[in-house]
Protein backbone atom coordinates (compact mmCIF):
# COMPACT_ATOMS: atom_id res chain seq x y z
CA MET A 1 0.00 0.00 0.00
CA THR A 2 1.27 3.45 -0.92
CA THR A 3 1.90 5.68 2.08
CA THR A 4 3.12 9.14 2.92
CA ALA A 5 4.96 10.46 5.92
CA SER A 6 1.64 11.09 7.65
CA GLY A 7 0.08 7.73 6.84
CA PRO A 8 -1.91 6.05 4.04
CA LEU A 9 -3.07 8.13 1.12
CA ALA A 10 -6.72 9.15 1.25
CA GLY A 11 -7.56 6.88 -1.66
CA ASP A 12 -6.03 3.91 0.16
CA ARG A 13 -8.25 4.07 3.22
CA SER A 14 -10.34 1.01 3.85
CA PRO A 15 -14.14 1.40 3.83
CA ALA A 16 -14.08 1.12 7.63
CA ASP A 17 -12.06 4.34 7.74
CA ARG A 18 -14.52 6.20 5.49
CA ARG A 19 -17.87 7.08 6.99
CA LEU A 20 -21.23 8.06 5.53
CA VAL A 21 -23.80 9.90 7.67
CA VAL A 22 -27.31 10.36 6.25
CA SER A 23 -30.03 12.65 7.62
CA ILE A 24 -33.60 13.71 6.87
CA HIS A 25 -34.24 17.40 7.57
CA ASP A 26 -37.43 19.32 8.40
CA VAL A 27 -39.12 16.39 10.10
CA SER A 28 -42.52 17.74 11.13
CA PRO A 29 -46.20 16.78 11.17
CA MET A 30 -46.53 19.23 8.27
CA PHE A 31 -44.45 16.86 6.12
CA ALA A 32 -45.55 13.52 7.55
CA ASP A 33 -46.07 11.80 4.19
CA PRO A 34 -42.83 12.89 2.45
CA VAL A 35 -40.82 12.15 5.60
CA GLU A 36 -42.31 8.65 5.70
CA ARG A 37 -41.47 8.20 2.03
CA LEU A 38 -37.89 9.35 2.51
CA ALA A 39 -37.42 7.16 5.59
CA ASP A 40 -38.71 4.08 3.77
CA ARG A 41 -36.52 4.75 0.74
CA ILE A 42 -33.34 5.48 2.67
CA GLY A 43 -33.91 2.67 5.14
CA GLY A 44 -34.33 0.27 2.24
CA ILE A 45 -31.02 1.32 0.73
CA LEU A 46 -29.10 1.29 4.01
CA GLY A 47 -30.63 -1.91 5.33
CA GLY A 48 -32.53 -0.34 8.20
CA PRO A 49 -33.07 2.92 10.07
CA ARG A 50 -29.39 3.88 9.96
CA PHE A 51 -29.93 7.60 9.55
CA ALA A 52 -30.80 10.70 11.55
CA MET A 53 -33.90 12.89 11.64
CA LEU A 54 -33.87 16.62 12.28
CA VAL A 55 -37.13 17.51 14.01
CA VAL A 56 -38.81 20.94 13.86
CA PRO A 57 -41.09 21.33 16.92
CA ASP A 58 -43.54 23.78 15.29
CA HIS A 59 -42.78 24.32 11.61
CA TRP A 60 -43.57 27.93 10.63
CA GLY A 61 -45.78 28.13 13.71
CA ALA A 62 -48.37 25.96 11.98
CA ALA A 63 -47.51 22.36 12.95
CA PRO A 64 -46.86 21.94 16.70
CA LEU A 65 -45.53 18.49 17.48
CA ASP A 66 -47.30 18.38 20.85
CA ARG A 67 -50.64 18.62 19.04
CA ALA A 68 -49.89 15.84 16.58
CA PRO A 69 -50.03 12.64 18.66
CA THR A 70 -50.04 10.28 15.68
CA PHE A 71 -46.86 11.79 14.25
CA ALA A 72 -45.28 11.92 17.72
CA ARG A 73 -45.87 8.19 18.12
CA ARG A 74 -44.27 7.62 14.72
CA LEU A 75 -41.24 9.62 15.81
CA ARG A 76 -40.93 7.54 18.95
CA ALA A 77 -41.10 4.34 16.93
CA TRP A 78 -38.30 5.58 14.68
CA ALA A 79 -36.24 6.57 17.72
CA ASP A 80 -36.86 3.19 19.35
CA ALA A 81 -35.65 1.53 16.12
CA GLY A 82 -32.37 3.45 16.28
CA VAL A 83 -32.92 6.66 14.32
CA GLU A 84 -30.97 9.54 15.87
CA MET A 85 -33.19 12.53 16.61
CA PHE A 86 -31.83 16.08 16.49
CA LEU A 87 -33.58 19.30 17.41
CA HIS A 88 -33.82 21.42 14.25
CA GLY A 89 -34.74 24.90 15.43
CA TRP A 90 -38.13 25.88 16.80
CA VAL A 91 -40.25 27.20 13.90
CA HIS A 92 -37.53 27.07 11.19
CA ARG A 93 -38.68 30.42 9.79
CA ASP A 94 -36.37 33.45 9.96
CA THR A 95 -38.18 36.54 11.25
CA SER A 96 -35.10 38.46 12.45
CA ASP A 97 -34.18 41.97 11.35
CA HIS A 98 -30.58 41.33 10.28
CA ARG A 99 -28.33 44.21 11.24
CA THR A 100 -25.18 43.30 9.35
CA ALA A 101 -24.68 43.04 5.60
CA ALA A 102 -23.12 39.58 5.91
CA ALA A 103 -26.07 38.18 7.84
CA GLY A 104 -28.50 39.78 5.41
CA LEU A 105 -26.76 38.19 2.44
CA LYS A 106 -26.78 34.76 4.09
CA ALA A 107 -30.47 35.10 4.94
CA ARG A 108 -31.33 36.14 1.39
CA TYR A 109 -29.19 33.88 -0.74
CA MET A 110 -28.42 30.77 1.34
CA THR A 111 -32.00 29.94 2.27
CA ALA A 112 -35.59 30.90 1.44
CA GLY A 113 -36.21 32.83 4.66
CA GLU A 114 -35.61 29.82 6.87
CA GLY A 115 -32.36 30.62 8.72
CA GLU A 116 -34.20 30.94 12.02
CA PHE A 117 -31.15 31.08 14.29
CA LEU A 118 -29.03 33.45 12.22
CA GLY A 119 -30.22 36.70 13.81
CA LEU A 120 -31.47 35.68 17.27
CA SER A 121 -30.07 37.06 20.53
CA ALA A 122 -28.46 34.56 22.89
CA ASP A 123 -31.43 34.73 25.26
CA GLU A 124 -34.00 34.15 22.53
CA ALA A 125 -31.94 31.39 20.93
CA GLU A 126 -31.59 29.62 24.28
CA HIS A 127 -35.30 29.98 24.99
CA ARG A 128 -36.20 28.36 21.67
CA MET A 129 -33.60 25.63 22.05
CA ARG A 130 -34.81 24.65 25.51
CA ARG A 131 -38.48 24.81 24.60
CA GLY A 132 -37.92 22.85 21.42
CA ARG A 133 -35.79 20.22 23.12
CA ASP A 134 -38.47 19.64 25.75
CA MET A 135 -41.14 19.14 23.09
CA VAL A 136 -39.09 16.74 20.98
CA GLU A 137 -37.83 14.73 23.97
CA ASP A 138 -41.40 14.40 25.29
CA ALA A 139 -42.33 12.90 21.92
CA ILE A 140 -39.40 10.49 21.51
CA GLY A 141 -38.95 9.53 25.17
CA ARG A 142 -35.18 10.08 25.23
CA PRO A 143 -32.58 12.87 24.91
CA VAL A 144 -32.04 14.44 21.52
CA ALA A 145 -28.71 13.70 19.84
CA GLY A 146 -27.90 17.38 19.41
CA PHE A 147 -28.96 20.62 17.74
CA ILE A 148 -28.69 21.56 14.06
CA ALA A 149 -29.84 25.03 13.07
CA PRO A 150 -32.26 25.47 10.16
CA ALA A 151 -30.33 26.00 6.92
CA TRP A 152 -27.16 25.27 8.95
CA LEU A 153 -26.99 29.00 9.81
CA TYR A 154 -25.88 30.21 13.26
CA GLY A 155 -25.49 33.76 14.49
CA PRO A 156 -23.40 34.77 17.53
CA GLY A 157 -26.42 34.41 19.79
CA ALA A 158 -27.08 30.86 18.64
CA MET A 159 -23.44 29.89 19.15
CA ALA A 160 -23.54 31.19 22.72
CA ALA A 161 -26.84 29.44 23.43
CA LEU A 162 -25.49 26.10 22.17
CA LYS A 163 -22.98 25.99 25.00
CA SER A 164 -25.53 27.04 27.61
CA CYS A 165 -27.92 24.30 26.55
CA ASP A 166 -25.27 21.55 26.71
CA PHE A 167 -26.09 19.83 23.42
CA ALA A 168 -23.81 16.89 22.66
CA LEU A 169 -23.38 17.75 18.96
CA ALA A 170 -24.01 20.50 16.43
CA GLU A 171 -23.52 20.75 12.68
CA ASP A 172 -23.14 23.42 10.02
CA HIS A 173 -22.39 23.29 6.29
CA PHE A 174 -18.76 22.29 6.79
CA ARG A 175 -18.33 20.54 10.14
CA VAL A 176 -19.80 18.59 13.03
CA TRP A 177 -18.59 19.63 16.47
CA ARG A 178 -19.12 19.34 20.22
CA PRO A 179 -20.43 22.69 21.46
CA ALA A 180 -19.14 22.22 25.00
CA THR A 181 -15.50 22.00 23.90
CA GLY A 182 -15.46 23.16 20.27
CA GLU A 183 -13.93 19.83 19.31
CA ILE A 184 -14.54 19.01 15.64
CA VAL A 185 -15.54 15.42 14.91
CA ALA A 186 -16.08 15.73 11.14
CA ARG A 187 -15.13 18.18 8.41
CA GLY A 188 -16.36 18.68 4.87
CA PRO A 189 -19.44 19.92 3.00
CA VAL A 190 -22.85 18.28 3.01
CA VAL A 191 -24.25 16.72 -0.16
CA THR A 192 -27.83 17.94 -0.43
CA TRP A 193 -30.46 18.68 -3.07
CA ALA A 194 -32.62 21.70 -3.92
CA SER A 195 -36.15 21.74 -5.31
CA ARG A 196 -36.94 25.48 -5.16
CA SER A 197 -36.06 26.27 -8.78
CA ALA A 198 -34.91 24.56 -11.95
CA ALA A 199 -31.48 26.17 -11.68
CA ARG A 200 -30.98 25.08 -8.08
CA THR A 201 -32.17 21.58 -8.92
CA ALA A 202 -29.73 21.31 -11.82
CA SER A 203 -26.87 22.55 -9.65
CA SER A 204 -27.62 20.10 -6.85
CA LEU A 205 -27.83 17.20 -9.31
CA ALA A 206 -24.40 18.13 -10.65
CA VAL A 207 -22.90 18.32 -7.16
CA ALA A 208 -24.33 14.92 -6.24
CA ALA A 209 -22.93 13.39 -9.44
CA ALA A 210 -19.52 14.86 -8.60
CA ALA A 211 -19.70 13.42 -5.09
CA ARG A 212 -20.33 9.97 -6.54
CA ALA A 213 -17.41 10.27 -8.94
CA LEU A 214 -14.75 11.89 -6.76
CA PRO A 215 -12.14 9.83 -4.89
CA ASP A 216 -13.01 9.07 -1.29
CA TRP A 217 -10.54 11.49 0.26
CA LEU A 218 -12.86 12.80 2.98
CA PRO A 219 -12.98 10.59 6.10
CA THR A 220 -16.62 11.57 6.68
CA LEU A 221 -19.20 12.44 4.06
CA ARG A 222 -22.64 13.74 5.02
CA VAL A 223 -25.78 13.44 2.93
CA ALA A 224 -28.95 15.40 3.77
CA VAL A 225 -32.39 15.17 2.20
CA HIS A 226 -35.50 17.32 2.63
CA PRO A 227 -39.26 16.71 2.25
CA GLY A 228 -39.35 18.90 -0.86
CA ASP A 229 -37.05 16.46 -2.62
CA VAL A 230 -39.93 14.03 -3.13
CA THR A 231 -41.63 16.54 -5.46
CA LYS A 232 -39.13 15.90 -8.26
CA GLU A 233 -38.37 12.44 -9.56
CA SER A 234 -34.98 13.61 -10.82
CA LEU A 235 -33.99 14.44 -7.24
CA MET A 236 -35.23 11.14 -5.87
CA THR A 237 -33.33 9.25 -8.55
CA SER A 238 -30.17 11.18 -7.72
CA ILE A 239 -30.63 10.62 -3.99
CA ASP A 240 -31.07 6.91 -4.64
CA ARG A 241 -27.94 6.67 -6.77
CA THR A 242 -25.85 8.78 -4.44
CA ILE A 243 -26.69 6.93 -1.24
CA ARG A 244 -26.29 3.54 -2.93
CA SER A 245 -22.92 4.51 -4.40
CA LEU A 246 -21.50 6.06 -1.25
CA SER A 247 -22.80 3.40 1.14
CA ALA A 248 -21.14 0.71 -1.00
CA ARG A 249 -17.76 2.40 -0.47
CA ARG A 250 -18.16 3.66 3.08
CA THR A 251 -19.28 2.52 6.51
CA VAL A 252 -22.73 3.91 7.34
CA ALA A 253 -22.27 5.68 10.66
CA ARG A 254 -24.32 7.46 13.28
CA TYR A 255 -23.44 10.97 14.37
CA SER A 256 -22.68 9.59 17.81
CA ASP A 257 -20.06 7.30 16.22
CA LEU A 258 -18.00 10.27 14.98
CA ARG A 259 -14.67 10.85 16.66
CA PRO A 260 -12.16 13.67 16.17
CA GLU A 261 -10.38 13.31 12.86
CA GLN A 262 -6.58 13.48 12.74
CA GLY A 263 -5.51 17.10 12.77
CA ALA A 264 -9.03 18.40 13.46
CA SER A 265 -9.42 21.07 16.11
CA SER A 266 -11.52 24.09 16.85
């Protein structure tokens, strides 16, 4: 095997050294049917419920989990079967008045008004995190695995609140980390899909195709799907191909399995 001074080349890693983490975002009573469809499809590819769900307690203020007992029971069944459950904001919708140009640009171009935690104060972010965690944990009957902000966008207030709330894990576009210590347990972008426009769909299909074709140089690769993906067969076909291809070359892992990668730090 070819090696370098720091160890094996990335392309020479065994599948056990390369991990794949799959998640379903925006899990809510509002999207019960597409979430069920995604869970069935992904579970069939991975050989069981070897993925995570990101749960929104009250999507856009119109779908409170504590008033949807049938969906709450379904969530608990998934959790009992081994699906990791993350808190994914409170309402998901961004209603903040962004005071900096950078935050305004992120809110406008990186998401369709759904970066809920980008502009919140620390107090408001903590309030929503604690309230949301209580609602989700009441539904699933166990602690959440961590917190992932809607659209992977965090402002300074959200970052401060993460530590106060003592979540085990958090995730953004480019890393997974432990909020208590700042320790990074995975690096690299997330492969995801977009259904909002033809241009975004085409771009996401191209990125997914590239992810399937590129050498496996990243120790951890994350794949995320959303309820809107089920509205376009091209996206579902791409999701199918991508998860099948990557899971054949990598070990399917849980977020809780992730450990600090060599050279990773805060």
